[in-house]
Amino acid sequence: MYIEEVASDSKLDEKIKKFSEELNAMFDGEQESLVSEDVSGSGMEAFTRDLRSRFKNLDGIYVWHALCGAWNGVRPETLTHLESKVVPFDISPGLDASMTDLAVDRIVEAGIGLVHPSKAHEFYDSMHSYLASVGVTGAKIDVFQTLESVAEEHGGRVELAKTYYDGLTKSMVKNFNGTEIIASMQQCNEFFFLATKQISIGRVGDDFWWQDPHGDPQGVYWLQGLHMIHCSYNSLWMGQMIQPDWDMFQSDHVCAEYHAASRAISGGPVYLSDHLGEGSHNFELIKKLAFFDGTVPRCIHYALPTRDSLFKNPLFDKESILKIFNFNKFGGVIGAFNCQGAGWSPKEHRYKRVSGADNEENTREVTR
C-alpha cells in the first residue's frame, strides 16, 4: 500500500512533520504546539493522536485514497500476493468525446496497476484495518469510474464492479462502521446501481479547480461556473440515490464567495481545502457559513435547478442565469448565479468563449 507518492514510512513521517509545522504556523505560532510532547510512536498514529489533542471537537479523521489504491493503482512489484499488474486504461468513445480531464489524461498515459478482483477484499481490508488501527475513522475514495476502463480481462465493467464493490463494502463494515466514507468522481452507472448499499454521499460535479488551466485571456475563471452547472443538473438524477456533494473550495480564492453561496444552498457538506499558513483563510466568509460552535446550517433537501432553468444553457446562450433552490426549516431559498463566459463545446470538441468567435484568442483547441 502507498498513498500518492509516499513509498516508505520515512517519507510519510517527513510529510506529516511538514504538515504539523504548517498547522502550527496557521495558529500564529501559539505556544501550544500541535506536535505532541509524547514521542512514543511515530507516523500516522502519532499524527492522528496529535490532531485530536489539538482539536478537541474533532469528530473524525478521514484518509483520501483512490479506488484502485493510488490514482494509477498499485505497484505490482510490491504487492505480488494480490496478483496485481499494470493494465491499459481504455476510454469509451462516448467519454472520449466529452470534456477533457487533465487527471484522466495522466492515467491514460501510464495505465492502472490493478489488483486482481479476487483479491479486492484482501486489498481493501489491509489498507482500512491499518488505518483504523492508527486512529483514522473513515475514507474519501476517489476515481470510482476507473473500473469501467480496465475491465476487459475481467468479464466487463459490471462484473468487475460487483467484485470490487463487494470487497469494499465488507471492509467498510468491518473497519469504518459501514458508512464512514465519501465517494468522489463516481458518476458512473455501476456505482449508483451497485455501490450505494453502504455509501450515502458522493460528488455530483468535477473537481474544484483552484487554478483554471483553460482560463481566457481576460482571466475569467469560467470553470467555476461550469462546476456549479454540473452539480445542480447532475443532482436531478444522482440525488435520487445519494446525498449530493458539491466538493470543497478555498476560502481565499478569487471566486470564493461564488462557491460559498452555492454550498450554503446545496444541502450537502461544506468543507474547505485552504492552503495552510497565514493569509490563506478568509475567516469572515467562513463565519457566514457556520454557527459559533462550528455547526453548519444545512438546508434540509438537496439543491436543484428551478423549473425555468431546465433545458437552458447558462454557459453559452448569453441570457440565462442559473437558479437553484432548496428548503430550510422556515421556508425556501433561491440562489441566482451568472455562469456565462465559456465552456466545453461537445459539437466542436473544444473550449469555447461565449462570444463564439472562431479565432485563436477566443478558443483553445484540444488534441489528444
Protein backbone atom coordinates (compact mmCIF):
# COMPACT_ATOMS: atom_id res chain seq x y z
CA MET A 1 0.00 0.00 0.00
CA TYR A 2 1.12 3.53 -0.68
CA ILE A 3 -0.62 6.89 -0.62
CA GLU A 4 0.11 9.17 -3.56
CA GLU A 5 3.89 9.02 -3.87
CA VAL A 6 4.64 8.01 -0.29
CA ALA A 7 6.53 4.75 -0.65
CA SER A 8 8.14 4.44 2.78
CA ASP A 9 7.49 5.26 6.43
CA SER A 10 10.32 7.80 6.44
CA LYS A 11 8.81 9.81 3.62
CA LEU A 12 5.40 9.66 5.28
CA ASP A 13 6.92 10.91 8.55
CA GLU A 14 8.53 13.80 6.67
CA LYS A 15 5.21 14.80 5.13
CA ILE A 16 3.42 14.57 8.49
CA LYS A 17 6.12 16.68 10.17
CA LYS A 18 5.81 19.36 7.48
CA PHE A 19 2.02 19.34 7.80
CA SER A 20 2.28 19.71 11.58
CA GLU A 21 4.62 22.69 11.20
CA GLU A 22 2.19 24.34 8.78
CA LEU A 23 -0.69 23.80 11.21
CA ASN A 24 1.31 25.45 13.98
CA ALA A 25 2.07 28.39 11.68
CA MET A 26 -1.62 28.73 10.87
CA PHE A 27 -2.28 29.41 14.55
CA ASP A 28 0.29 32.21 14.57
CA GLY A 29 2.91 30.24 16.42
CA GLU A 30 0.92 29.76 19.60
CA GLN A 31 2.93 28.29 22.42
CA GLU A 32 0.81 25.15 22.42
CA SER A 33 2.36 23.11 19.65
CA LEU A 34 0.45 20.66 17.54
CA VAL A 35 3.31 18.21 17.90
CA SER A 36 2.77 16.13 21.00
CA GLU A 37 5.36 16.03 23.74
CA ASP A 38 4.75 12.29 23.89
CA VAL A 39 7.35 10.97 21.47
CA SER A 40 6.27 7.35 21.86
CA GLY A 41 5.10 6.36 18.43
CA SER A 42 5.51 7.95 15.06
CA GLY A 43 3.91 8.15 11.66
CA MET A 44 0.16 8.13 11.17
CA GLU A 45 -0.75 7.02 14.71
CA ALA A 46 1.17 9.89 16.29
CA PHE A 47 -0.33 12.27 13.75
CA THR A 48 -3.96 11.34 14.49
CA ARG A 49 -3.27 11.50 18.24
CA ASP A 50 -1.80 14.98 17.87
CA LEU A 51 -4.75 16.14 15.78
CA ARG A 52 -7.23 15.02 18.43
CA SER A 53 -5.14 16.61 21.14
CA ARG A 54 -5.01 19.94 19.33
CA PHE A 55 -8.58 19.99 18.01
CA LYS A 56 -10.75 18.88 20.92
CA ASN A 57 -14.04 18.88 18.97
CA LEU A 58 -12.75 16.84 16.07
CA ASP A 59 -15.39 14.27 15.11
CA GLY A 60 -13.46 12.17 12.63
CA ILE A 61 -10.29 11.81 10.59
CA TYR A 62 -10.61 10.58 7.01
CA VAL A 63 -7.86 9.49 4.64
CA TRP A 64 -8.10 10.15 0.91
CA HIS A 65 -7.24 7.34 -1.49
CA ALA A 66 -8.23 6.15 -4.95
CA LEU A 67 -10.47 3.16 -5.60
CA CYS A 68 -7.53 1.23 -7.04
CA GLY A 69 -5.09 2.38 -4.35
CA ALA A 70 -3.47 5.47 -5.84
CA TRP A 71 -4.53 7.34 -8.96
CA ASN A 72 -2.52 4.98 -11.16
CA GLY A 73 -3.30 1.97 -8.99
CA VAL A 74 -0.67 0.00 -7.10
CA ARG A 75 2.89 -1.04 -7.83
CA PRO A 76 2.68 -4.70 -8.86
CA GLU A 77 6.24 -5.44 -7.76
CA THR A 78 5.36 -4.51 -4.17
CA LEU A 79 2.03 -6.37 -3.99
CA THR A 80 2.73 -9.69 -5.66
CA HIS A 81 0.45 -11.56 -3.23
CA LEU A 82 -2.51 -9.59 -4.62
CA GLU A 83 -1.81 -10.71 -8.19
CA SER A 84 -1.69 -7.11 -9.40
CA LYS A 85 -0.46 -5.98 -12.79
CA VAL A 86 -0.49 -2.87 -14.96
CA VAL A 87 -3.37 -2.89 -17.45
CA PRO A 88 -4.21 -0.39 -20.22
CA PHE A 89 -6.72 2.32 -19.46
CA ASP A 90 -9.22 2.33 -22.34
CA ILE A 91 -11.65 5.23 -22.53
CA SER A 92 -15.01 4.60 -24.16
CA PRO A 93 -15.80 6.60 -27.32
CA GLY A 94 -18.58 8.45 -25.52
CA LEU A 95 -16.34 9.58 -22.68
CA ASP A 96 -13.51 10.39 -25.05
CA ALA A 97 -15.82 12.84 -26.86
CA SER A 98 -16.66 14.69 -23.65
CA MET A 99 -14.77 17.47 -21.90
CA THR A 100 -11.12 16.61 -21.35
CA ASP A 101 -9.84 15.89 -17.85
CA LEU A 102 -6.21 16.55 -17.00
CA ALA A 103 -6.10 13.82 -14.35
CA VAL A 104 -7.60 11.21 -16.69
CA ASP A 105 -5.08 12.12 -19.38
CA ARG A 106 -2.24 11.20 -17.00
CA ILE A 107 -3.87 7.89 -16.12
CA VAL A 108 -4.32 7.02 -19.80
CA GLU A 109 -0.62 7.54 -20.40
CA ALA A 110 0.56 5.15 -17.68
CA GLY A 111 -2.26 2.62 -17.26
CA ILE A 112 -3.53 1.26 -13.95
CA GLY A 113 -1.80 -1.08 -11.53
CA LEU A 114 -4.87 -3.25 -10.88
CA VAL A 115 -5.27 -5.72 -8.03
CA HIS A 116 -6.90 -8.92 -9.24
CA PRO A 117 -10.65 -8.74 -8.43
CA SER A 118 -10.48 -11.99 -6.45
CA LYS A 119 -8.14 -10.16 -4.05
CA ALA A 120 -10.21 -6.97 -3.78
CA HIS A 121 -11.47 -7.63 -0.25
CA GLU A 122 -8.00 -8.51 0.99
CA PHE A 123 -6.66 -5.35 -0.65
CA TYR A 124 -9.17 -3.00 0.97
CA ASP A 125 -9.11 -4.72 4.35
CA SER A 126 -5.31 -4.50 4.51
CA MET A 127 -5.49 -0.74 3.94
CA HIS A 128 -8.51 0.06 6.06
CA SER A 129 -7.66 -2.17 9.01
CA TYR A 130 -4.28 -0.47 9.27
CA LEU A 131 -5.82 3.00 9.04
CA ALA A 132 -8.45 2.13 11.66
CA SER A 133 -5.73 0.82 13.99
CA VAL A 134 -3.90 4.17 13.94
CA GLY A 135 -6.97 6.33 14.62
CA VAL A 136 -8.42 7.01 11.18
CA THR A 137 -12.23 6.81 11.21
CA GLY A 138 -13.14 6.83 7.51
CA ALA A 139 -12.06 7.39 3.93
CA LYS A 140 -12.70 9.57 0.95
CA ILE A 141 -12.41 7.25 -2.04
CA ASP A 142 -11.73 8.82 -5.41
CA VAL A 143 -11.91 7.97 -9.14
CA PHE A 144 -14.61 5.30 -8.86
CA GLN A 145 -15.09 5.49 -12.61
CA THR A 146 -11.66 3.89 -13.13
CA LEU A 147 -13.07 0.36 -13.23
CA GLU A 148 -15.04 0.89 -16.43
CA SER A 149 -11.80 1.40 -18.35
CA VAL A 150 -9.82 -1.59 -17.05
CA ALA A 151 -12.47 -4.34 -17.15
CA GLU A 152 -11.75 -6.11 -20.43
CA GLU A 153 -9.91 -9.05 -18.85
CA HIS A 154 -12.42 -9.49 -16.01
CA GLY A 155 -15.80 -10.07 -17.61
CA GLY A 156 -16.67 -6.46 -18.33
CA ARG A 157 -17.30 -3.37 -16.23
CA VAL A 158 -20.36 -4.71 -14.39
CA GLU A 159 -18.72 -7.95 -13.22
CA LEU A 160 -15.54 -6.15 -12.19
CA ALA A 161 -17.52 -3.52 -10.30
CA LYS A 162 -19.57 -6.16 -8.48
CA THR A 163 -16.44 -7.85 -7.15
CA TYR A 164 -14.64 -4.65 -6.19
CA TYR A 165 -17.67 -3.05 -4.53
CA ASP A 166 -18.36 -6.24 -2.61
CA GLY A 167 -14.81 -6.22 -1.24
CA LEU A 168 -15.04 -2.51 -0.44
CA THR A 169 -18.37 -2.90 1.34
CA LYS A 170 -17.10 -5.74 3.54
CA SER A 171 -14.04 -3.68 4.51
CA MET A 172 -16.18 -0.63 5.31
CA VAL A 173 -18.49 -2.64 7.55
CA LYS A 174 -15.54 -4.17 9.38
CA ASN A 175 -13.33 -1.11 9.74
CA PHE A 176 -15.37 2.09 9.31
CA ASN A 177 -18.81 1.37 10.82
CA GLY A 178 -20.17 0.69 7.35
CA THR A 179 -20.87 4.29 6.35
CA GLU A 180 -17.83 6.43 7.16
CA ILE A 181 -16.98 7.10 3.54
CA ILE A 182 -17.25 9.85 0.94
CA ALA A 183 -17.33 8.88 -2.75
CA SER A 184 -15.61 11.07 -5.32
CA MET A 185 -15.72 11.01 -9.12
CA GLN A 186 -18.25 8.19 -9.01
CA GLN A 187 -20.51 9.46 -11.81
CA CYS A 188 -20.80 6.07 -13.49
CA ASN A 189 -23.79 3.77 -13.71
CA GLU A 190 -22.16 0.85 -11.91
CA PHE A 191 -21.66 2.95 -8.79
CA PHE A 192 -25.27 4.04 -8.47
CA PHE A 193 -26.68 0.57 -9.00
CA LEU A 194 -24.06 -1.50 -7.15
CA ALA A 195 -22.16 0.60 -4.60
CA THR A 196 -24.80 2.64 -2.77
CA LYS A 197 -25.71 -0.04 -0.23
CA GLN A 198 -23.22 1.48 2.23
CA ILE A 199 -22.23 4.75 0.53
CA SER A 200 -24.69 7.59 1.01
CA ILE A 201 -22.73 10.67 -0.08
CA GLY A 202 -20.98 11.32 -3.38
CA ARG A 203 -19.72 14.04 -5.67
CA VAL A 204 -22.05 15.36 -8.36
CA GLY A 205 -19.57 17.53 -10.23
CA ASP A 206 -15.98 17.87 -11.33
CA ASP A 207 -13.15 18.97 -9.05
CA PHE A 208 -12.98 22.49 -7.70
CA TRP A 209 -10.19 23.79 -9.94
CA TRP A 210 -8.45 26.44 -7.86
CA GLN A 211 -6.18 27.08 -10.84
CA ASP A 212 -8.09 27.38 -14.10
CA PRO A 213 -5.97 25.69 -16.82
CA HIS A 214 -8.27 26.95 -19.56
CA GLY A 215 -8.98 30.49 -18.40
CA ASP A 216 -9.47 33.00 -21.19
CA PRO A 217 -7.03 35.87 -21.89
CA GLN A 218 -9.05 38.19 -19.65
CA GLY A 219 -8.53 35.89 -16.68
CA VAL A 220 -12.15 34.81 -16.35
CA TYR A 221 -12.44 31.67 -14.21
CA TRP A 222 -15.17 30.04 -16.27
CA LEU A 223 -14.60 26.58 -14.79
CA GLN A 224 -16.14 27.84 -11.55
CA GLY A 225 -19.49 28.40 -13.26
CA LEU A 226 -19.24 25.11 -15.11
CA HIS A 227 -18.68 23.33 -11.79
CA MET A 228 -21.90 24.82 -10.43
CA ILE A 229 -23.88 23.82 -13.52
CA HIS A 230 -22.63 20.23 -13.34
CA CYS A 231 -23.52 19.91 -9.66
CA SER A 232 -27.02 21.35 -9.96
CA TYR A 233 -28.14 19.47 -13.07
CA ASN A 234 -26.49 16.17 -12.06
CA SER A 235 -28.36 16.32 -8.76
CA LEU A 236 -31.64 15.85 -10.62
CA TRP A 237 -30.76 12.18 -11.12
CA MET A 238 -27.92 11.42 -8.71
CA GLY A 239 -29.77 12.99 -5.81
CA GLN A 240 -32.35 10.21 -6.04
CA MET A 241 -29.72 7.76 -4.76
CA ILE A 242 -27.08 9.71 -2.82
CA GLN A 243 -26.64 12.94 -0.88
CA PRO A 244 -25.05 15.25 -3.49
CA ASP A 245 -21.61 16.57 -2.56
CA TRP A 246 -20.55 19.80 -4.31
CA ASP A 247 -16.86 19.37 -3.35
CA MET A 248 -14.55 21.52 -1.29
CA PHE A 249 -13.35 25.03 -2.17
CA GLN A 250 -10.79 27.55 -0.92
CA SER A 251 -11.99 30.46 1.19
CA ASP A 252 -9.36 32.87 -0.18
CA HIS A 253 -9.98 32.03 -3.84
CA VAL A 254 -10.95 34.83 -6.24
CA CYS A 255 -14.33 33.07 -6.66
CA ALA A 256 -14.72 32.03 -3.01
CA GLU A 257 -17.94 33.97 -2.37
CA TYR A 258 -19.44 32.47 -5.51
CA HIS A 259 -18.70 28.95 -4.27
CA ALA A 260 -19.68 29.70 -0.67
CA ALA A 261 -23.16 30.85 -1.72
CA SER A 262 -23.77 27.68 -3.73
CA ARG A 263 -22.53 25.42 -0.90
CA ALA A 264 -24.81 27.17 1.58
CA ILE A 265 -27.79 26.27 -0.61
CA SER A 266 -26.55 22.86 -1.80
CA GLY A 267 -27.75 20.91 1.25
CA GLY A 268 -24.52 18.92 1.18
CA PRO A 269 -21.33 19.14 3.21
CA VAL A 270 -19.50 22.45 3.42
CA TYR A 271 -15.76 21.97 3.63
CA LEU A 272 -12.60 23.81 2.69
CA SER A 273 -9.29 22.93 1.10
CA ASP A 274 -7.39 26.05 2.11
CA HIS A 275 -3.63 26.11 1.97
CA LEU A 276 -2.14 26.19 5.44
CA GLY A 277 -0.36 29.27 6.66
CA GLU A 278 -1.05 32.91 7.40
CA GLY A 279 -3.16 34.76 4.85
CA SER A 280 -4.66 31.63 3.29
CA HIS A 281 -8.04 31.85 5.01
CA ASN A 282 -10.98 34.23 4.69
CA PHE A 283 -12.40 33.86 8.18
CA GLU A 284 -15.11 36.47 7.62
CA LEU A 285 -16.50 34.36 4.80
CA ILE A 286 -16.17 31.14 6.81
CA LYS A 287 -18.12 32.68 9.69
CA LYS A 288 -21.06 33.25 7.34
CA LEU A 289 -21.24 29.51 6.62
CA ALA A 290 -21.30 28.19 10.19
CA PHE A 291 -22.57 28.93 13.69
CA PHE A 292 -20.20 29.84 16.51
CA ASP A 293 -19.87 26.20 17.57
CA GLY A 294 -18.89 25.14 14.05
CA THR A 295 -22.27 23.63 13.18
CA VAL A 296 -23.18 24.11 9.52
CA PRO A 297 -26.81 25.24 8.96
CA ARG A 298 -27.52 22.98 6.01
CA CYS A 299 -30.70 23.06 4.01
CA ILE A 300 -32.97 20.07 4.54
CA HIS A 301 -33.05 18.84 0.93
CA TYR A 302 -30.51 18.89 -1.88
CA ALA A 303 -30.36 21.83 -4.27
CA LEU A 304 -31.93 21.55 -7.72
CA PRO A 305 -32.28 23.88 -10.71
CA THR A 306 -35.51 25.87 -10.77
CA ARG A 307 -38.06 24.88 -13.40
CA ASP A 308 -37.23 27.84 -15.65
CA SER A 309 -33.54 26.89 -15.58
CA LEU A 310 -34.16 23.47 -17.11
CA PHE A 311 -33.31 22.93 -20.77
CA LYS A 312 -31.26 26.13 -20.83
CA ASN A 313 -27.56 26.67 -21.43
CA PRO A 314 -26.32 29.10 -18.76
CA LEU A 315 -22.82 28.91 -20.23
CA PHE A 316 -23.41 29.94 -23.83
CA ASP A 317 -26.81 31.48 -24.53
CA LYS A 318 -25.82 34.98 -23.29
CA GLU A 319 -29.06 35.43 -21.35
CA SER A 320 -29.77 32.59 -18.91
CA ILE A 321 -28.97 32.82 -15.21
CA LEU A 322 -28.57 29.55 -13.34
CA LYS A 323 -31.08 29.46 -10.49
CA ILE A 324 -31.05 26.75 -7.82
CA PHE A 325 -33.46 26.26 -4.94
CA ASN A 326 -33.70 24.41 -1.64
CA PHE A 327 -35.65 24.45 1.62
CA ASN A 328 -34.72 25.13 5.23
CA LYS A 329 -36.66 24.86 8.48
CA PHE A 330 -38.51 28.11 7.92
CA GLY A 331 -39.03 28.36 4.17
CA GLY A 332 -37.37 28.22 0.78
CA VAL A 333 -34.18 29.72 -0.57
CA ILE A 334 -33.16 30.53 -4.15
CA GLY A 335 -29.72 31.37 -5.46
CA ALA A 336 -29.07 33.03 -8.82
CA PHE A 337 -25.63 32.72 -10.43
CA ASN A 338 -24.10 34.13 -13.59
CA CYS A 339 -22.23 31.26 -15.23
CA GLN A 340 -21.92 32.82 -18.69
CA GLY A 341 -18.42 33.04 -20.10
CA ALA A 342 -17.05 29.89 -21.70
CA GLY A 343 -17.31 26.15 -21.69
CA TRP A 344 -16.81 22.89 -23.47
CA SER A 345 -18.48 22.64 -26.88
CA PRO A 346 -19.46 18.99 -27.48
CA LYS A 347 -20.15 19.73 -31.15
CA GLU A 348 -16.80 21.37 -31.83
CA HIS A 349 -14.83 19.40 -29.20
CA ARG A 350 -13.03 22.39 -27.78
CA TYR A 351 -13.09 25.02 -25.06
CA LYS A 352 -15.04 27.97 -26.35
CA ARG A 353 -15.72 31.54 -25.27
CA VAL A 354 -19.31 32.72 -25.02
CA SER A 355 -18.75 35.03 -27.98
CA GLY A 356 -18.39 32.01 -30.23
CA ALA A 357 -15.77 33.84 -32.27
CA ASP A 358 -13.64 31.32 -34.09
CA ASN A 359 -10.19 32.72 -33.57
CA GLU A 360 -7.08 31.81 -31.65
CA GLU A 361 -7.64 34.46 -28.98
CA ASN A 362 -11.10 33.24 -28.03
CA THR A 363 -10.80 29.47 -28.41
CA ARG A 364 -8.47 26.72 -27.35
CA GLU A 365 -8.26 23.65 -29.48
CA VAL A 366 -7.78 20.36 -27.64
CA THR A 367 -5.83 17.50 -29.14
CA ARG A 368 -5.06 14.13 -27.63
